[in-house]
N, C-alpha and C. Protein backbone atom coordinates (compact mmCIF):
# COMPACT_ATOMS: atom_id res chain seq x y z
N MET A 1 9.52 -25.30 0.18
CA MET A 1 9.83 -23.89 0.28
C MET A 1 8.67 -23.15 0.94
N ASN A 2 8.96 -22.11 1.67
CA ASN A 2 7.95 -21.36 2.40
C ASN A 2 7.03 -20.62 1.43
N LYS A 3 5.73 -20.74 1.65
CA LYS A 3 4.74 -20.12 0.77
C LYS A 3 4.84 -18.59 0.82
N ARG A 4 5.08 -18.03 1.99
CA ARG A 4 5.19 -16.58 2.12
C ARG A 4 6.41 -16.05 1.36
N PHE A 5 7.48 -16.82 1.36
CA PHE A 5 8.69 -16.41 0.65
C PHE A 5 8.39 -16.29 -0.85
N ILE A 6 7.69 -17.24 -1.40
CA ILE A 6 7.35 -17.22 -2.82
C ILE A 6 6.39 -16.07 -3.12
N LEU A 7 5.39 -15.88 -2.27
CA LEU A 7 4.40 -14.83 -2.49
C LEU A 7 5.00 -13.43 -2.34
N SER A 8 6.12 -13.30 -1.66
CA SER A 8 6.73 -11.98 -1.51
C SER A 8 7.30 -11.46 -2.83
N PHE A 9 7.50 -12.34 -3.79
CA PHE A 9 8.01 -11.92 -5.09
C PHE A 9 6.92 -11.59 -6.11
N VAL A 10 5.67 -11.80 -5.75
CA VAL A 10 4.57 -11.58 -6.70
C VAL A 10 4.46 -10.11 -7.10
N ALA A 11 4.42 -9.21 -6.13
CA ALA A 11 4.25 -7.79 -6.43
C ALA A 11 5.40 -7.22 -7.26
N PRO A 12 6.67 -7.51 -6.91
CA PRO A 12 7.74 -6.99 -7.78
C PRO A 12 7.69 -7.56 -9.20
N PHE A 13 7.30 -8.83 -9.33
CA PHE A 13 7.18 -9.40 -10.68
C PHE A 13 6.02 -8.77 -11.44
N MET A 14 4.95 -8.40 -10.74
CA MET A 14 3.84 -7.71 -11.40
C MET A 14 4.32 -6.37 -11.96
N ILE A 15 5.10 -5.65 -11.19
CA ILE A 15 5.62 -4.36 -11.64
C ILE A 15 6.59 -4.56 -12.80
N LEU A 16 7.45 -5.55 -12.69
CA LEU A 16 8.40 -5.85 -13.77
C LEU A 16 7.67 -6.25 -15.05
N PHE A 17 6.69 -7.13 -14.91
CA PHE A 17 5.91 -7.57 -16.06
C PHE A 17 5.18 -6.40 -16.72
N SER A 18 4.65 -5.51 -15.91
CA SER A 18 3.97 -4.33 -16.43
C SER A 18 4.94 -3.42 -17.17
N GLY A 19 6.12 -3.21 -16.60
CA GLY A 19 7.12 -2.36 -17.24
C GLY A 19 7.56 -2.91 -18.58
N ILE A 20 7.80 -4.22 -18.62
CA ILE A 20 8.21 -4.84 -19.88
C ILE A 20 7.09 -4.73 -20.91
N GLY A 21 5.86 -4.94 -20.47
CA GLY A 21 4.73 -4.82 -21.39
C GLY A 21 4.56 -3.41 -21.91
N LEU A 22 4.76 -2.42 -21.05
CA LEU A 22 4.62 -1.03 -21.48
C LEU A 22 5.73 -0.62 -22.45
N ILE A 23 6.90 -1.21 -22.29
CA ILE A 23 8.02 -0.86 -23.16
C ILE A 23 7.93 -1.54 -24.53
N PHE A 24 7.61 -2.82 -24.53
CA PHE A 24 7.74 -3.59 -25.77
C PHE A 24 6.45 -3.79 -26.56
N ARG A 25 5.30 -3.47 -26.01
CA ARG A 25 4.06 -3.64 -26.76
C ARG A 25 3.77 -2.43 -27.63
N ASP A 26 2.91 -2.66 -28.63
CA ASP A 26 2.51 -1.53 -29.47
C ASP A 26 1.50 -0.66 -28.69
N LYS A 27 1.26 0.52 -29.18
CA LYS A 27 0.50 1.52 -28.43
C LYS A 27 -0.92 1.08 -28.09
N SER A 28 -1.56 0.31 -28.95
CA SER A 28 -2.95 -0.06 -28.68
C SER A 28 -3.08 -1.06 -27.53
N ARG A 29 -2.02 -1.79 -27.19
CA ARG A 29 -2.11 -2.80 -26.14
C ARG A 29 -1.37 -2.42 -24.86
N LYS A 30 -0.78 -1.27 -24.81
CA LYS A 30 -0.03 -0.85 -23.63
C LYS A 30 -0.94 -0.64 -22.42
N ILE A 31 -2.15 -0.19 -22.65
CA ILE A 31 -3.06 0.11 -21.54
C ILE A 31 -3.40 -1.12 -20.72
N PHE A 32 -3.29 -2.31 -21.30
CA PHE A 32 -3.62 -3.54 -20.57
C PHE A 32 -2.59 -3.87 -19.49
N TYR A 33 -1.39 -3.34 -19.59
CA TYR A 33 -0.35 -3.63 -18.62
C TYR A 33 -0.35 -2.64 -17.45
N LEU A 34 -1.03 -1.55 -17.58
CA LEU A 34 -1.07 -0.54 -16.53
C LEU A 34 -1.73 -1.04 -15.24
N PRO A 35 -2.88 -1.72 -15.29
CA PRO A 35 -3.49 -2.21 -14.03
C PRO A 35 -2.60 -3.21 -13.28
N ILE A 36 -1.86 -4.02 -14.00
CA ILE A 36 -0.97 -4.98 -13.33
C ILE A 36 0.09 -4.24 -12.54
N GLY A 37 0.68 -3.23 -13.12
CA GLY A 37 1.70 -2.45 -12.42
C GLY A 37 1.13 -1.69 -11.24
N LEU A 38 -0.06 -1.13 -11.41
CA LEU A 38 -0.69 -0.39 -10.31
C LEU A 38 -1.05 -1.31 -9.15
N MET A 39 -1.48 -2.52 -9.46
CA MET A 39 -1.79 -3.49 -8.39
C MET A 39 -0.51 -3.89 -7.65
N GLY A 40 0.58 -4.09 -8.37
CA GLY A 40 1.85 -4.43 -7.72
C GLY A 40 2.32 -3.32 -6.80
N ILE A 41 2.20 -2.09 -7.26
CA ILE A 41 2.59 -0.95 -6.43
C ILE A 41 1.69 -0.83 -5.21
N SER A 42 0.39 -1.01 -5.41
CA SER A 42 -0.53 -0.89 -4.27
C SER A 42 -0.30 -2.00 -3.24
N ILE A 43 0.05 -3.20 -3.68
CA ILE A 43 0.35 -4.29 -2.75
C ILE A 43 1.57 -3.95 -1.91
N ILE A 44 2.61 -3.44 -2.54
CA ILE A 44 3.82 -3.08 -1.81
C ILE A 44 3.55 -1.94 -0.82
N LEU A 45 2.81 -0.91 -1.25
CA LEU A 45 2.51 0.20 -0.35
C LEU A 45 1.63 -0.24 0.81
N GLU A 46 0.68 -1.13 0.55
CA GLU A 46 -0.21 -1.61 1.60
C GLU A 46 0.57 -2.41 2.64
N LYS A 47 1.49 -3.24 2.18
CA LYS A 47 2.32 -4.02 3.11
C LYS A 47 3.20 -3.10 3.95
N ASP A 48 3.73 -2.05 3.34
CA ASP A 48 4.57 -1.11 4.06
C ASP A 48 3.76 -0.37 5.13
N MET A 49 2.57 0.08 4.79
CA MET A 49 1.73 0.78 5.76
C MET A 49 1.33 -0.14 6.90
N ARG A 50 0.98 -1.37 6.59
CA ARG A 50 0.59 -2.33 7.63
C ARG A 50 1.77 -2.60 8.56
N ARG A 51 2.96 -2.74 8.01
CA ARG A 51 4.15 -2.99 8.82
C ARG A 51 4.42 -1.81 9.76
N LYS A 52 4.28 -0.59 9.26
CA LYS A 52 4.50 0.59 10.10
C LYS A 52 3.47 0.67 11.23
N LEU A 53 2.21 0.39 10.92
CA LEU A 53 1.17 0.43 11.95
C LEU A 53 1.39 -0.67 12.99
N ASP A 54 1.79 -1.85 12.56
CA ASP A 54 2.06 -2.93 13.51
C ASP A 54 3.21 -2.57 14.43
N ARG A 55 4.26 -1.98 13.89
CA ARG A 55 5.39 -1.56 14.72
C ARG A 55 4.98 -0.49 15.72
N LYS A 56 4.14 0.45 15.28
CA LYS A 56 3.67 1.51 16.17
C LYS A 56 2.82 0.93 17.30
N ASN A 57 1.96 -0.02 16.99
CA ASN A 57 1.13 -0.65 18.01
C ASN A 57 1.97 -1.44 19.01
N ILE A 58 2.98 -2.14 18.53
CA ILE A 58 3.85 -2.89 19.42
C ILE A 58 4.60 -1.93 20.35
N LEU A 59 5.07 -0.82 19.83
CA LEU A 59 5.76 0.17 20.65
C LEU A 59 4.83 0.74 21.72
N LYS A 60 3.58 1.01 21.35
CA LYS A 60 2.60 1.50 22.34
C LYS A 60 2.39 0.48 23.45
N LYS A 61 2.29 -0.79 23.10
CA LYS A 61 2.10 -1.83 24.10
C LYS A 61 3.31 -1.94 25.02
N ILE A 62 4.49 -1.81 24.47
CA ILE A 62 5.71 -1.86 25.29
C ILE A 62 5.74 -0.69 26.26
N LYS A 63 5.43 0.50 25.77
CA LYS A 63 5.42 1.68 26.64
C LYS A 63 4.36 1.57 27.72
N TYR A 64 3.20 1.03 27.37
CA TYR A 64 2.14 0.85 28.35
C TYR A 64 2.56 -0.14 29.44
N CYS A 65 3.19 -1.23 29.05
CA CYS A 65 3.64 -2.22 30.02
C CYS A 65 4.72 -1.66 30.94
N GLN A 66 5.55 -0.78 30.44
CA GLN A 66 6.60 -0.17 31.26
C GLN A 66 6.00 0.80 32.28
N LYS A 67 4.93 1.49 31.92
CA LYS A 67 4.28 2.42 32.83
C LYS A 67 3.56 1.68 33.95
N VAL A 68 2.97 0.53 33.63
CA VAL A 68 2.19 -0.23 34.61
C VAL A 68 3.11 -0.77 35.70
N LYS A 69 4.29 -1.20 35.38
CA LYS A 69 5.22 -1.76 36.36
C LYS A 69 5.77 -0.68 37.19
């Protein structure tokens, strides 16, 4: 199986694991699940921002190549 395919599920599972921990744990241990959820969210947001920047750079290169010809 492709390694990237498996790793793409890590961030959503981190968020899910954090949510379950925040719901079902007692109040003194809930704080330990917060960093896991925040890391999952930050991974997803970082991937989204990188994807948008890559698309923008590719579009700039295409437009530049069209002007040169």
